[in-house]
Amino acid sequence: MAVQIALANHKGGCGKTTLASHLLWWAAKHKLRAHGVAIDPQGNLIQRIINDPRLQRERVYRANDWLELTYSPNAAPGGTFNADVVVFDFPPGFDICNIIQPHLWLVPVDGREAVDGLMTALRTMKVAAGGLGVYAVPNMLDGAGRIPTNAVRDALGKVSGVKVWPASIPDSGTIQRSAEFRAPTWRIPNGAGSAGDEAMQAFCTEVFRLTGLTRRGR
């Protein structure tokens, strides 16, 4: 059975697609069968990974031997996936989060406004039996300074039903450029070994460890 991971937030530009694409690239790098699902009608997840998108098998795009993507705007895709991990990239807003029940919700949080949105959305974010729950992932907060970062972390820690990711994703030029190159941080020019790359790889490693995917990739 595939491990299902979903990324959502009530606003755009907070890092959902960036984190989702890196999880998929990481899975493929470690020879895990990965499938990305673009729930967002804009299809940003597909555009981030497929440089020359050519539709195959009814909205299914093949990136390489280990990675495929499906375009399923505002709807849960039907059927099952021949995959070890499925990553869902949701559009801005929490109103359709009830269409799936993944094992893990990841909510990138880039400011206090995102905390308020998450608090109102929890009732719609169901988790599969035996799942890991809802994690808020502080993202790009350090660009505003230590005090705002700590304030948001403190606020998140008081939200019942939400776990706070132990490490923050930095406001990193390397991570921003990965979107421009449509490639993971470890493959863009001068990206490998940078602070942003190390943070992104550490994030992916921990997600896979928590979900048990690391053991599958060995």
N, C-alpha and C. Protein backbone atom coordinates (compact mmCIF):
# COMPACT_ATOMS: atom_id res chain seq x y z
N MET A 1 0.84 -1.20 0.00
CA MET A 1 0.00 0.00 0.00
C MET A 1 0.88 1.25 0.00
N ALA A 2 0.53 2.21 -0.84
CA ALA A 2 1.31 3.43 -0.93
C ALA A 2 1.11 4.32 0.29
N VAL A 3 2.18 4.93 0.74
CA VAL A 3 2.09 5.96 1.76
C VAL A 3 1.61 7.24 1.09
N GLN A 4 0.60 7.88 1.66
CA GLN A 4 0.04 9.08 1.07
C GLN A 4 0.40 10.30 1.92
N ILE A 5 0.94 11.32 1.24
CA ILE A 5 1.36 12.57 1.88
C ILE A 5 0.67 13.71 1.15
N ALA A 6 0.04 14.61 1.89
CA ALA A 6 -0.66 15.73 1.27
C ALA A 6 -0.13 17.05 1.80
N LEU A 7 0.00 18.02 0.89
CA LEU A 7 0.45 19.36 1.27
C LEU A 7 -0.64 20.36 0.98
N ALA A 8 -0.97 21.16 1.99
CA ALA A 8 -2.07 22.12 1.84
C ALA A 8 -1.78 23.37 2.66
N ASN A 9 -2.42 24.44 2.28
CA ASN A 9 -2.41 25.69 3.02
C ASN A 9 -3.49 26.56 2.43
N HIS A 10 -3.94 27.57 3.17
CA HIS A 10 -5.04 28.39 2.66
C HIS A 10 -4.57 29.47 1.70
N LYS A 11 -3.25 29.64 1.51
CA LYS A 11 -2.75 30.70 0.66
C LYS A 11 -1.69 30.16 -0.30
N GLY A 12 -1.48 30.88 -1.38
CA GLY A 12 -0.46 30.51 -2.33
C GLY A 12 0.90 31.09 -1.95
N GLY A 13 1.95 30.56 -2.56
CA GLY A 13 3.29 31.09 -2.34
C GLY A 13 3.93 30.72 -1.03
N CYS A 14 3.38 29.74 -0.32
CA CYS A 14 3.92 29.39 0.99
C CYS A 14 4.86 28.19 0.93
N GLY A 15 4.98 27.54 -0.25
CA GLY A 15 5.95 26.46 -0.38
C GLY A 15 5.38 25.07 -0.58
N LYS A 16 4.08 24.94 -0.82
CA LYS A 16 3.48 23.61 -0.97
C LYS A 16 4.13 22.84 -2.13
N THR A 17 4.16 23.46 -3.29
CA THR A 17 4.67 22.77 -4.48
C THR A 17 6.17 22.51 -4.36
N THR A 18 6.89 23.44 -3.76
CA THR A 18 8.33 23.24 -3.58
C THR A 18 8.62 22.02 -2.72
N LEU A 19 7.90 21.89 -1.61
CA LEU A 19 8.12 20.74 -0.74
C LEU A 19 7.63 19.45 -1.40
N ALA A 20 6.48 19.51 -2.05
CA ALA A 20 5.93 18.32 -2.71
C ALA A 20 6.87 17.81 -3.79
N SER A 21 7.38 18.71 -4.62
CA SER A 21 8.26 18.28 -5.71
C SER A 21 9.55 17.68 -5.18
N HIS A 22 10.09 18.24 -4.11
CA HIS A 22 11.33 17.69 -3.55
C HIS A 22 11.11 16.31 -2.94
N LEU A 23 9.96 16.10 -2.33
CA LEU A 23 9.67 14.76 -1.81
C LEU A 23 9.62 13.74 -2.94
N LEU A 24 9.04 14.12 -4.06
CA LEU A 24 8.96 13.22 -5.20
C LEU A 24 10.33 12.98 -5.81
N TRP A 25 11.11 14.04 -5.98
CA TRP A 25 12.46 13.88 -6.52
C TRP A 25 13.32 13.01 -5.60
N TRP A 26 13.15 13.20 -4.30
CA TRP A 26 13.92 12.41 -3.33
C TRP A 26 13.55 10.93 -3.43
N ALA A 27 12.27 10.65 -3.56
CA ALA A 27 11.82 9.27 -3.69
C ALA A 27 12.43 8.63 -4.94
N ALA A 28 12.36 9.33 -6.06
CA ALA A 28 12.91 8.79 -7.30
C ALA A 28 14.41 8.60 -7.20
N LYS A 29 15.07 9.52 -6.54
CA LYS A 29 16.52 9.42 -6.35
C LYS A 29 16.89 8.15 -5.60
N HIS A 30 16.03 7.74 -4.68
CA HIS A 30 16.29 6.55 -3.87
C HIS A 30 15.54 5.32 -4.38
N LYS A 31 15.12 5.42 -5.65
CA LYS A 31 14.50 4.28 -6.34
C LYS A 31 13.24 3.77 -5.62
N LEU A 32 12.45 4.73 -5.18
CA LEU A 32 11.11 4.44 -4.68
C LEU A 32 10.11 4.85 -5.76
N ARG A 33 9.11 4.05 -5.98
CA ARG A 33 8.09 4.39 -6.97
C ARG A 33 7.25 5.53 -6.40
N ALA A 34 7.28 6.65 -7.09
CA ALA A 34 6.61 7.85 -6.59
C ALA A 34 5.58 8.34 -7.59
N HIS A 35 4.47 8.85 -7.05
CA HIS A 35 3.42 9.40 -7.89
C HIS A 35 2.95 10.72 -7.29
N GLY A 36 3.03 11.78 -8.06
CA GLY A 36 2.54 13.07 -7.63
C GLY A 36 1.17 13.35 -8.20
N VAL A 37 0.30 13.96 -7.40
CA VAL A 37 -1.05 14.29 -7.86
C VAL A 37 -1.27 15.79 -7.71
N ALA A 38 -1.48 16.45 -8.82
CA ALA A 38 -1.74 17.89 -8.82
C ALA A 38 -3.24 18.12 -8.63
N ILE A 39 -3.66 18.33 -7.39
CA ILE A 39 -5.04 18.67 -7.11
C ILE A 39 -5.29 20.14 -7.48
N ASP A 40 -4.26 20.94 -7.38
CA ASP A 40 -4.34 22.35 -7.76
C ASP A 40 -4.61 22.47 -9.25
N PRO A 41 -5.70 23.15 -9.66
CA PRO A 41 -6.01 23.27 -11.09
C PRO A 41 -4.90 23.90 -11.92
N GLN A 42 -4.04 24.71 -11.30
CA GLN A 42 -2.95 25.32 -12.04
C GLN A 42 -1.90 24.29 -12.48
N GLY A 43 -1.91 23.12 -11.85
CA GLY A 43 -0.97 22.08 -12.23
C GLY A 43 0.49 22.45 -11.99
N ASN A 44 0.74 23.25 -10.97
CA ASN A 44 2.12 23.70 -10.72
C ASN A 44 3.08 22.55 -10.44
N LEU A 45 2.57 21.49 -9.80
CA LEU A 45 3.43 20.36 -9.49
C LEU A 45 3.96 19.72 -10.77
N ILE A 46 3.10 19.57 -11.75
CA ILE A 46 3.52 18.97 -13.02
C ILE A 46 4.47 19.90 -13.75
N GLN A 47 4.17 21.19 -13.76
CA GLN A 47 5.03 22.15 -14.42
C GLN A 47 6.40 22.23 -13.77
N ARG A 48 6.45 22.00 -12.46
CA ARG A 48 7.73 22.05 -11.74
C ARG A 48 8.64 20.88 -12.12
N ILE A 49 8.05 19.74 -12.42
CA ILE A 49 8.84 18.52 -12.62
C ILE A 49 9.02 18.16 -14.09
N ILE A 50 7.99 18.38 -14.90
CA ILE A 50 8.05 18.01 -16.30
C ILE A 50 8.41 19.22 -17.14
N ASN A 51 9.59 19.23 -17.74
CA ASN A 51 10.01 20.36 -18.54
C ASN A 51 9.27 20.43 -19.88
N ASP A 52 8.91 19.29 -20.42
CA ASP A 52 8.21 19.23 -21.69
C ASP A 52 6.99 18.33 -21.52
N PRO A 53 5.94 18.85 -20.86
CA PRO A 53 4.81 17.98 -20.52
C PRO A 53 4.05 17.48 -21.74
N ARG A 54 3.98 16.18 -21.86
CA ARG A 54 3.21 15.55 -22.92
C ARG A 54 2.23 14.57 -22.27
N LEU A 55 0.97 14.80 -22.53
CA LEU A 55 -0.05 14.01 -21.86
C LEU A 55 0.03 12.55 -22.26
N GLN A 56 -0.04 11.67 -21.26
CA GLN A 56 0.03 10.24 -21.49
C GLN A 56 -1.06 9.56 -20.66
N ARG A 57 -1.64 8.51 -21.17
CA ARG A 57 -2.56 7.66 -20.44
C ARG A 57 -3.58 8.44 -19.60
N GLU A 58 -4.31 9.34 -20.25
CA GLU A 58 -5.37 10.06 -19.56
C GLU A 58 -4.87 10.86 -18.36
N ARG A 59 -4.21 11.93 -18.63
CA ARG A 59 -3.74 12.88 -17.62
C ARG A 59 -2.59 12.35 -16.77
N VAL A 60 -1.90 11.33 -17.19
CA VAL A 60 -0.75 10.83 -16.45
C VAL A 60 0.52 11.21 -17.19
N TYR A 61 1.46 11.82 -16.46
CA TYR A 61 2.73 12.25 -17.04
C TYR A 61 3.84 11.39 -16.45
N ARG A 62 4.75 10.95 -17.29
CA ARG A 62 5.87 10.13 -16.85
C ARG A 62 7.14 10.97 -16.87
N ALA A 63 7.73 11.16 -15.69
CA ALA A 63 8.97 11.94 -15.60
C ALA A 63 10.19 11.07 -15.83
N ASN A 64 10.21 9.89 -15.24
CA ASN A 64 11.30 8.93 -15.42
C ASN A 64 10.80 7.56 -14.97
N ASP A 65 11.70 6.60 -14.87
CA ASP A 65 11.30 5.23 -14.51
C ASP A 65 10.68 5.13 -13.13
N TRP A 66 10.92 6.12 -12.27
CA TRP A 66 10.48 6.03 -10.88
C TRP A 66 9.40 7.04 -10.52
N LEU A 67 9.11 7.96 -11.42
CA LEU A 67 8.24 9.07 -11.05
C LEU A 67 7.19 9.36 -12.13
N GLU A 68 5.92 9.37 -11.72
CA GLU A 68 4.82 9.75 -12.58
C GLU A 68 3.97 10.79 -11.86
N LEU A 69 3.16 11.52 -12.64
CA LEU A 69 2.29 12.53 -12.07
C LEU A 69 0.92 12.48 -12.71
N THR A 70 -0.09 12.83 -11.94
CA THR A 70 -1.47 12.86 -12.43
C THR A 70 -2.05 14.25 -12.21
N TYR A 71 -2.77 14.74 -13.20
CA TYR A 71 -3.49 16.00 -13.07
C TYR A 71 -4.93 15.68 -12.70
N SER A 72 -5.35 16.11 -11.51
CA SER A 72 -6.69 15.80 -11.01
C SER A 72 -7.26 17.03 -10.32
N PRO A 73 -7.62 18.07 -11.09
CA PRO A 73 -8.02 19.35 -10.48
C PRO A 73 -9.23 19.27 -9.57
N ASN A 74 -9.01 19.69 -8.32
CA ASN A 74 -10.08 19.80 -7.31
C ASN A 74 -10.83 18.49 -7.06
N ALA A 75 -10.18 17.36 -7.32
CA ALA A 75 -10.86 16.08 -7.14
C ALA A 75 -9.86 15.01 -6.73
N ALA A 76 -10.36 14.02 -5.99
CA ALA A 76 -9.54 12.87 -5.65
C ALA A 76 -9.44 11.97 -6.87
N PRO A 77 -8.25 11.58 -7.28
CA PRO A 77 -8.12 10.70 -8.45
C PRO A 77 -8.70 9.33 -8.16
N GLY A 78 -9.33 8.75 -9.13
CA GLY A 78 -9.89 7.43 -8.95
C GLY A 78 -8.85 6.34 -9.10
N GLY A 79 -9.17 5.14 -8.63
CA GLY A 79 -8.27 4.01 -8.78
C GLY A 79 -7.14 4.01 -7.76
N THR A 80 -6.20 3.12 -7.97
CA THR A 80 -5.05 2.99 -7.09
C THR A 80 -3.77 3.26 -7.87
N PHE A 81 -2.69 3.50 -7.14
CA PHE A 81 -1.41 3.81 -7.76
C PHE A 81 -0.41 2.69 -7.52
N ASN A 82 0.32 2.34 -8.54
CA ASN A 82 1.41 1.39 -8.40
C ASN A 82 2.63 2.16 -7.92
N ALA A 83 2.63 2.49 -6.64
CA ALA A 83 3.66 3.39 -6.10
C ALA A 83 3.94 3.06 -4.65
N ASP A 84 5.11 3.48 -4.20
CA ASP A 84 5.46 3.39 -2.78
C ASP A 84 4.96 4.62 -2.02
N VAL A 85 4.94 5.75 -2.70
CA VAL A 85 4.51 6.99 -2.07
C VAL A 85 3.71 7.81 -3.08
N VAL A 86 2.63 8.41 -2.60
CA VAL A 86 1.82 9.33 -3.40
C VAL A 86 1.81 10.68 -2.69
N VAL A 87 2.15 11.72 -3.41
CA VAL A 87 2.20 13.07 -2.84
C VAL A 87 1.16 13.94 -3.52
N PHE A 88 0.26 14.53 -2.73
CA PHE A 88 -0.83 15.37 -3.24
C PHE A 88 -0.50 16.84 -3.00
N ASP A 89 -0.59 17.64 -4.05
CA ASP A 89 -0.37 19.07 -3.95
C ASP A 89 -1.71 19.78 -4.11
N PHE A 90 -2.22 20.36 -3.01
CA PHE A 90 -3.54 20.98 -3.02
C PHE A 90 -3.47 22.45 -3.44
N PRO A 91 -4.59 22.98 -3.96
CA PRO A 91 -4.64 24.41 -4.28
C PRO A 91 -4.75 25.22 -3.00
N PRO A 92 -4.55 26.54 -3.08
CA PRO A 92 -4.75 27.38 -1.90
C PRO A 92 -6.17 27.23 -1.35
N GLY A 93 -6.26 27.09 -0.05
CA GLY A 93 -7.56 26.91 0.59
C GLY A 93 -7.68 25.52 1.19
N PHE A 94 -8.47 25.42 2.24
CA PHE A 94 -8.65 24.15 2.92
C PHE A 94 -10.03 23.53 2.65
N ASP A 95 -10.82 24.14 1.77
CA ASP A 95 -12.21 23.73 1.63
C ASP A 95 -12.40 22.35 1.02
N ILE A 96 -11.40 21.83 0.28
CA ILE A 96 -11.56 20.50 -0.32
C ILE A 96 -10.62 19.47 0.30
N CYS A 97 -10.07 19.78 1.44
CA CYS A 97 -9.14 18.83 2.08
C CYS A 97 -9.82 17.54 2.50
N ASN A 98 -11.14 17.53 2.55
CA ASN A 98 -11.85 16.33 2.98
C ASN A 98 -11.98 15.28 1.88
N ILE A 99 -11.42 15.53 0.68
CA ILE A 99 -11.58 14.57 -0.42
C ILE A 99 -10.64 13.37 -0.28
N ILE A 100 -9.62 13.48 0.56
CA ILE A 100 -8.72 12.35 0.79
C ILE A 100 -8.40 12.24 2.28
N GLN A 101 -7.88 11.09 2.68
CA GLN A 101 -7.41 10.88 4.04
C GLN A 101 -6.00 10.31 3.96
N PRO A 102 -5.00 11.17 3.85
CA PRO A 102 -3.62 10.69 3.73
C PRO A 102 -3.07 10.21 5.06
N HIS A 103 -1.90 9.64 5.02
CA HIS A 103 -1.22 9.23 6.25
C HIS A 103 -0.57 10.42 6.94
N LEU A 104 -0.26 11.45 6.16
CA LEU A 104 0.46 12.60 6.71
C LEU A 104 0.05 13.87 5.98
N TRP A 105 -0.35 14.89 6.75
CA TRP A 105 -0.58 16.22 6.22
C TRP A 105 0.62 17.09 6.55
N LEU A 106 1.13 17.81 5.55
CA LEU A 106 2.20 18.77 5.77
C LEU A 106 1.66 20.15 5.37
N VAL A 107 1.72 21.10 6.30
CA VAL A 107 1.19 22.43 6.06
C VAL A 107 2.32 23.45 6.19
N PRO A 108 2.87 23.94 5.07
CA PRO A 108 3.90 24.97 5.15
C PRO A 108 3.31 26.25 5.75
N VAL A 109 4.00 26.79 6.72
CA VAL A 109 3.52 27.98 7.42
C VAL A 109 4.58 29.07 7.28
N ASP A 110 4.19 30.19 6.64
CA ASP A 110 5.16 31.26 6.39
C ASP A 110 4.81 32.56 7.12
N GLY A 111 3.90 32.47 8.09
CA GLY A 111 3.55 33.66 8.84
C GLY A 111 2.38 33.39 9.77
N ARG A 112 2.05 34.38 10.59
CA ARG A 112 0.98 34.22 11.58
C ARG A 112 -0.38 33.99 10.90
N GLU A 113 -0.59 34.61 9.74
CA GLU A 113 -1.86 34.41 9.02
C GLU A 113 -2.10 32.95 8.70
N ALA A 114 -1.02 32.23 8.36
CA ALA A 114 -1.15 30.81 8.04
C ALA A 114 -1.53 30.00 9.26
N VAL A 115 -1.10 30.42 10.44
CA VAL A 115 -1.48 29.74 11.68
C VAL A 115 -2.99 29.85 11.89
N ASP A 116 -3.52 31.06 11.69
CA ASP A 116 -4.97 31.26 11.87
C ASP A 116 -5.75 30.41 10.87
N GLY A 117 -5.28 30.33 9.63
CA GLY A 117 -5.97 29.52 8.64
C GLY A 117 -5.96 28.06 8.99
N LEU A 118 -4.84 27.58 9.51
CA LEU A 118 -4.73 26.18 9.89
C LEU A 118 -5.68 25.84 11.02
N MET A 119 -5.82 26.73 11.97
CA MET A 119 -6.70 26.48 13.11
C MET A 119 -8.14 26.25 12.67
N THR A 120 -8.58 26.99 11.66
CA THR A 120 -9.96 26.86 11.20
C THR A 120 -10.16 25.65 10.29
N ALA A 121 -9.07 25.07 9.79
CA ALA A 121 -9.18 24.01 8.79
C ALA A 121 -9.05 22.61 9.36
N LEU A 122 -8.65 22.48 10.59
CA LEU A 122 -8.32 21.16 11.13
C LEU A 122 -9.48 20.17 11.05
N ARG A 123 -10.69 20.68 11.19
CA ARG A 123 -11.83 19.77 11.19
C ARG A 123 -12.03 19.09 9.84
N THR A 124 -11.48 19.65 8.78
CA THR A 124 -11.63 19.05 7.45
C THR A 124 -10.46 18.16 7.07
N MET A 125 -9.40 18.14 7.87
CA MET A 125 -8.18 17.41 7.52
C MET A 125 -8.15 16.07 8.24
N LYS A 126 -8.72 15.08 7.62
CA LYS A 126 -8.78 13.74 8.19
C LYS A 126 -7.50 12.96 7.83
N VAL A 127 -7.15 12.04 8.71
CA VAL A 127 -5.93 11.25 8.53
C VAL A 127 -6.30 9.78 8.47
N ALA A 128 -5.61 9.03 7.63
CA ALA A 128 -5.85 7.59 7.50
C ALA A 128 -5.55 6.89 8.82
N ALA A 129 -6.21 5.76 9.05
CA ALA A 129 -5.98 4.97 10.25
C ALA A 129 -4.50 4.63 10.36
N GLY A 130 -3.95 4.85 11.53
CA GLY A 130 -2.54 4.59 11.74
C GLY A 130 -1.62 5.64 11.18
N GLY A 131 -2.20 6.76 10.71
CA GLY A 131 -1.40 7.82 10.11
C GLY A 131 -0.65 8.65 11.14
N LEU A 132 0.11 9.60 10.64
CA LEU A 132 1.00 10.39 11.49
C LEU A 132 0.39 11.71 11.93
N GLY A 133 -0.70 12.14 11.28
CA GLY A 133 -1.37 13.36 11.68
C GLY A 133 -1.03 14.55 10.82
N VAL A 134 -1.18 15.74 11.44
CA VAL A 134 -0.98 17.02 10.74
C VAL A 134 0.26 17.69 11.31
N TYR A 135 1.19 18.02 10.43
CA TYR A 135 2.41 18.73 10.82
C TYR A 135 2.44 20.10 10.16
N ALA A 136 2.69 21.13 10.96
CA ALA A 136 2.95 22.45 10.43
C ALA A 136 4.46 22.59 10.21
N VAL A 137 4.84 23.00 9.02
CA VAL A 137 6.26 23.10 8.67
C VAL A 137 6.63 24.58 8.53
N PRO A 138 7.33 25.15 9.52
CA PRO A 138 7.75 26.55 9.39
C PRO A 138 8.63 26.74 8.16
N ASN A 139 8.23 27.66 7.29
CA ASN A 139 8.91 27.81 6.01
C ASN A 139 9.18 29.29 5.73
N MET A 140 10.42 29.60 5.45
CA MET A 140 10.85 30.96 5.08
C MET A 140 10.66 31.99 6.18
N LEU A 141 10.44 31.54 7.40
CA LEU A 141 10.18 32.47 8.49
C LEU A 141 11.42 33.25 8.89
N ASP A 142 12.59 32.65 8.71
CA ASP A 142 13.81 33.31 9.17
C ASP A 142 14.11 34.58 8.39
N GLY A 143 13.49 34.74 7.21
CA GLY A 143 13.70 35.96 6.44
C GLY A 143 13.15 37.18 7.16
N ALA A 144 12.20 36.96 8.08
CA ALA A 144 11.63 38.07 8.85
C ALA A 144 12.32 38.26 10.20
N GLY A 145 13.25 37.38 10.53
CA GLY A 145 13.97 37.53 11.78
C GLY A 145 13.58 36.50 12.82
N ARG A 146 14.39 36.42 13.86
CA ARG A 146 14.21 35.38 14.88
C ARG A 146 12.93 35.58 15.68
N ILE A 147 12.60 36.81 16.02
CA ILE A 147 11.42 37.05 16.86
C ILE A 147 10.14 36.59 16.17
N PRO A 148 9.89 36.98 14.90
CA PRO A 148 8.68 36.45 14.22
C PRO A 148 8.69 34.93 14.11
N THR A 149 9.86 34.36 13.85
CA THR A 149 9.96 32.91 13.75
C THR A 149 9.54 32.24 15.04
N ASN A 150 10.09 32.71 16.14
CA ASN A 150 9.76 32.13 17.45
C ASN A 150 8.29 32.35 17.80
N ALA A 151 7.74 33.51 17.43
CA ALA A 151 6.35 33.81 17.74
C ALA A 151 5.41 32.84 17.01
N VAL A 152 5.70 32.57 15.75
CA VAL A 152 4.87 31.64 14.99
C VAL A 152 5.00 30.24 15.55
N ARG A 153 6.22 29.83 15.90
CA ARG A 153 6.41 28.50 16.49
C ARG A 153 5.62 28.37 17.79
N ASP A 154 5.67 29.41 18.61
CA ASP A 154 4.93 29.38 19.87
C ASP A 154 3.43 29.27 19.62
N ALA A 155 2.94 30.00 18.61
CA ALA A 155 1.51 29.95 18.29
C ALA A 155 1.12 28.57 17.78
N LEU A 156 1.96 27.99 16.95
CA LEU A 156 1.67 26.65 16.43
C LEU A 156 1.64 25.62 17.56
N GLY A 157 2.52 25.79 18.52
CA GLY A 157 2.59 24.84 19.62
C GLY A 157 1.34 24.81 20.48
N LYS A 158 0.49 25.83 20.34
CA LYS A 158 -0.73 25.91 21.13
C LYS A 158 -1.96 25.42 20.36
N VAL A 159 -1.77 25.03 19.10
CA VAL A 159 -2.89 24.57 18.28
C VAL A 159 -3.09 23.08 18.53
N SER A 160 -4.21 22.72 19.12
CA SER A 160 -4.51 21.32 19.41
C SER A 160 -4.67 20.52 18.12
N GLY A 161 -4.03 19.36 18.06
CA GLY A 161 -4.15 18.50 16.89
C GLY A 161 -3.09 18.74 15.84
N VAL A 162 -2.18 19.67 16.09
CA VAL A 162 -1.11 19.98 15.13
C VAL A 162 0.24 19.76 15.79
N LYS A 163 1.10 19.05 15.08
CA LYS A 163 2.48 18.91 15.52
C LYS A 163 3.34 19.90 14.75
N VAL A 164 4.38 20.40 15.38
CA VAL A 164 5.25 21.38 14.74
C VAL A 164 6.51 20.68 14.27
N TRP A 165 6.82 20.84 12.98
CA TRP A 165 8.02 20.22 12.43
C TRP A 165 9.24 20.72 13.18
N PRO A 166 10.16 19.83 13.57
CA PRO A 166 11.25 20.24 14.45
C PRO A 166 12.23 21.23 13.84
N ALA A 167 12.37 21.22 12.52
CA ALA A 167 13.31 22.13 11.87
C ALA A 167 12.57 23.03 10.89
N SER A 168 13.10 24.24 10.67
CA SER A 168 12.49 25.17 9.73
C SER A 168 13.16 25.06 8.36
N ILE A 169 12.38 25.33 7.31
CA ILE A 169 12.94 25.44 5.97
C ILE A 169 13.37 26.90 5.79
N PRO A 170 14.64 27.17 5.51
CA PRO A 170 15.12 28.55 5.49
C PRO A 170 14.66 29.35 4.27
N ASP A 171 14.76 30.66 4.40
CA ASP A 171 14.52 31.56 3.27
C ASP A 171 15.78 31.51 2.41
N SER A 172 15.80 30.58 1.48
CA SER A 172 17.04 30.21 0.79
C SER A 172 17.00 30.54 -0.70
N GLY A 173 18.06 31.17 -1.18
CA GLY A 173 18.19 31.42 -2.61
C GLY A 173 18.30 30.14 -3.40
N THR A 174 18.95 29.14 -2.82
CA THR A 174 19.07 27.85 -3.50
C THR A 174 17.70 27.22 -3.72
N ILE A 175 16.85 27.24 -2.70
CA ILE A 175 15.52 26.67 -2.84
C ILE A 175 14.69 27.46 -3.84
N GLN A 176 14.82 28.77 -3.84
CA GLN A 176 14.10 29.59 -4.80
C GLN A 176 14.56 29.29 -6.23
N ARG A 177 15.85 29.11 -6.42
CA ARG A 177 16.36 28.84 -7.76
C ARG A 177 15.98 27.45 -8.25
N SER A 178 15.70 26.54 -7.33
CA SER A 178 15.28 25.21 -7.77
C SER A 178 13.98 25.29 -8.57
N ALA A 179 13.12 26.26 -8.24
CA ALA A 179 11.89 26.46 -9.02
C ALA A 179 12.22 26.96 -10.42
N GLU A 180 13.19 27.84 -10.52
CA GLU A 180 13.57 28.39 -11.82
C GLU A 180 14.16 27.31 -12.72
N PHE A 181 14.98 26.43 -12.15
CA PHE A 181 15.63 25.38 -12.93
C PHE A 181 14.76 24.13 -13.07
N ARG A 182 13.63 24.09 -12.35
CA ARG A 182 12.76 22.90 -12.36
C ARG A 182 13.57 21.65 -12.01
N ALA A 183 14.31 21.77 -10.94
CA ALA A 183 15.18 20.68 -10.50
C ALA A 183 15.36 20.78 -9.00
N PRO A 184 15.69 19.66 -8.35
CA PRO A 184 15.91 19.70 -6.89
C PRO A 184 17.15 20.49 -6.54
N THR A 185 17.22 20.91 -5.29
CA THR A 185 18.34 21.75 -4.85
C THR A 185 19.69 21.08 -5.09
N TRP A 186 19.72 19.76 -4.99
CA TRP A 186 21.02 19.07 -5.13
C TRP A 186 21.45 18.92 -6.59
N ARG A 187 20.63 19.37 -7.52
CA ARG A 187 20.99 19.24 -8.93
C ARG A 187 21.14 20.57 -9.65
N ILE A 188 20.80 21.68 -9.02
CA ILE A 188 20.93 22.96 -9.69
C ILE A 188 22.37 23.46 -9.56
N PRO A 189 22.82 24.37 -10.41
CA PRO A 189 24.20 24.89 -10.32
C PRO A 189 24.49 25.48 -8.94
N ASN A 190 25.57 25.02 -8.34
CA ASN A 190 26.04 25.49 -7.04
C ASN A 190 25.03 25.24 -5.91
N GLY A 191 24.11 24.32 -6.15
CA GLY A 191 23.12 24.04 -5.12
C GLY A 191 23.54 22.98 -4.13
N ALA A 192 24.15 21.92 -4.62
CA ALA A 192 24.53 20.80 -3.75
C ALA A 192 25.46 21.27 -2.64
N GLY A 193 25.12 20.92 -1.42
CA GLY A 193 25.96 21.25 -0.27
C GLY A 193 25.68 22.61 0.34
N SER A 194 24.81 23.41 -0.30
CA SER A 194 24.47 24.72 0.27
C SER A 194 23.55 24.53 1.47
N ALA A 195 23.36 25.61 2.24
CA ALA A 195 22.51 25.53 3.42
C ALA A 195 21.07 25.17 3.04
N GLY A 196 20.59 25.75 1.95
CA GLY A 196 19.23 25.43 1.51
C GLY A 196 19.09 23.99 1.08
N ASP A 197 20.09 23.49 0.38
CA ASP A 197 20.06 22.09 -0.05
C ASP A 197 20.11 21.15 1.15
N GLU A 198 20.97 21.44 2.10
CA GLU A 198 21.06 20.58 3.28
C GLU A 198 19.74 20.58 4.06
N ALA A 199 19.09 21.74 4.15
CA ALA A 199 17.81 21.81 4.86
C ALA A 199 16.74 21.01 4.12
N MET A 200 16.72 21.11 2.79
CA MET A 200 15.70 20.40 2.03
C MET A 200 15.93 18.89 2.09
N GLN A 201 17.18 18.48 1.98
CA GLN A 201 17.46 17.05 2.05
C GLN A 201 17.17 16.50 3.45
N ALA A 202 17.44 17.31 4.47
CA ALA A 202 17.14 16.88 5.84
C ALA A 202 15.62 16.74 6.02
N PHE A 203 14.86 17.65 5.44
CA PHE A 203 13.40 17.58 5.51
C PHE A 203 12.91 16.29 4.85
N CYS A 204 13.37 16.02 3.64
CA CYS A 204 12.93 14.82 2.93
C CYS A 204 13.32 13.55 3.68
N THR A 205 14.53 13.54 4.19
CA THR A 205 15.01 12.38 4.94
C THR A 205 14.12 12.09 6.14
N GLU A 206 13.74 13.14 6.86
CA GLU A 206 12.93 12.95 8.06
C GLU A 206 11.51 12.51 7.70
N VAL A 207 10.94 13.07 6.63
CA VAL A 207 9.61 12.64 6.20
C VAL A 207 9.63 11.15 5.87
N PHE A 208 10.64 10.72 5.15
CA PHE A 208 10.71 9.33 4.74
C PHE A 208 10.99 8.42 5.93
N ARG A 209 11.74 8.92 6.90
CA ARG A 209 11.99 8.11 8.09
C ARG A 209 10.69 7.93 8.87
N LEU A 210 9.94 9.00 9.07
CA LEU A 210 8.70 8.93 9.83
C LEU A 210 7.69 7.99 9.18
N THR A 211 7.62 8.01 7.86
CA THR A 211 6.62 7.21 7.16
C THR A 211 7.07 5.79 6.88
N GLY A 212 8.33 5.49 7.18
CA GLY A 212 8.85 4.16 6.90
C GLY A 212 9.33 3.98 5.48
N LEU A 213 9.33 5.04 4.70
CA LEU A 213 9.72 4.94 3.29
C LEU A 213 11.22 4.70 3.13
N THR A 214 12.00 5.12 4.10
CA THR A 214 13.45 4.90 4.02
C THR A 214 13.75 3.43 3.93
N ARG A 215 13.04 2.63 4.72
CA ARG A 215 13.29 1.19 4.71
C ARG A 215 12.93 0.57 3.36
N ARG A 216 11.90 1.10 2.72
CA ARG A 216 11.50 0.56 1.42
C ARG A 216 12.55 0.87 0.35
N GLY A 217 13.23 2.02 0.51
CA GLY A 217 14.18 2.43 -0.51
C GLY A 217 15.53 1.76 -0.40
N ARG A 218 15.73 0.96 0.63
CA ARG A 218 17.03 0.30 0.79
C ARG A 218 17.11 -0.96 -0.07
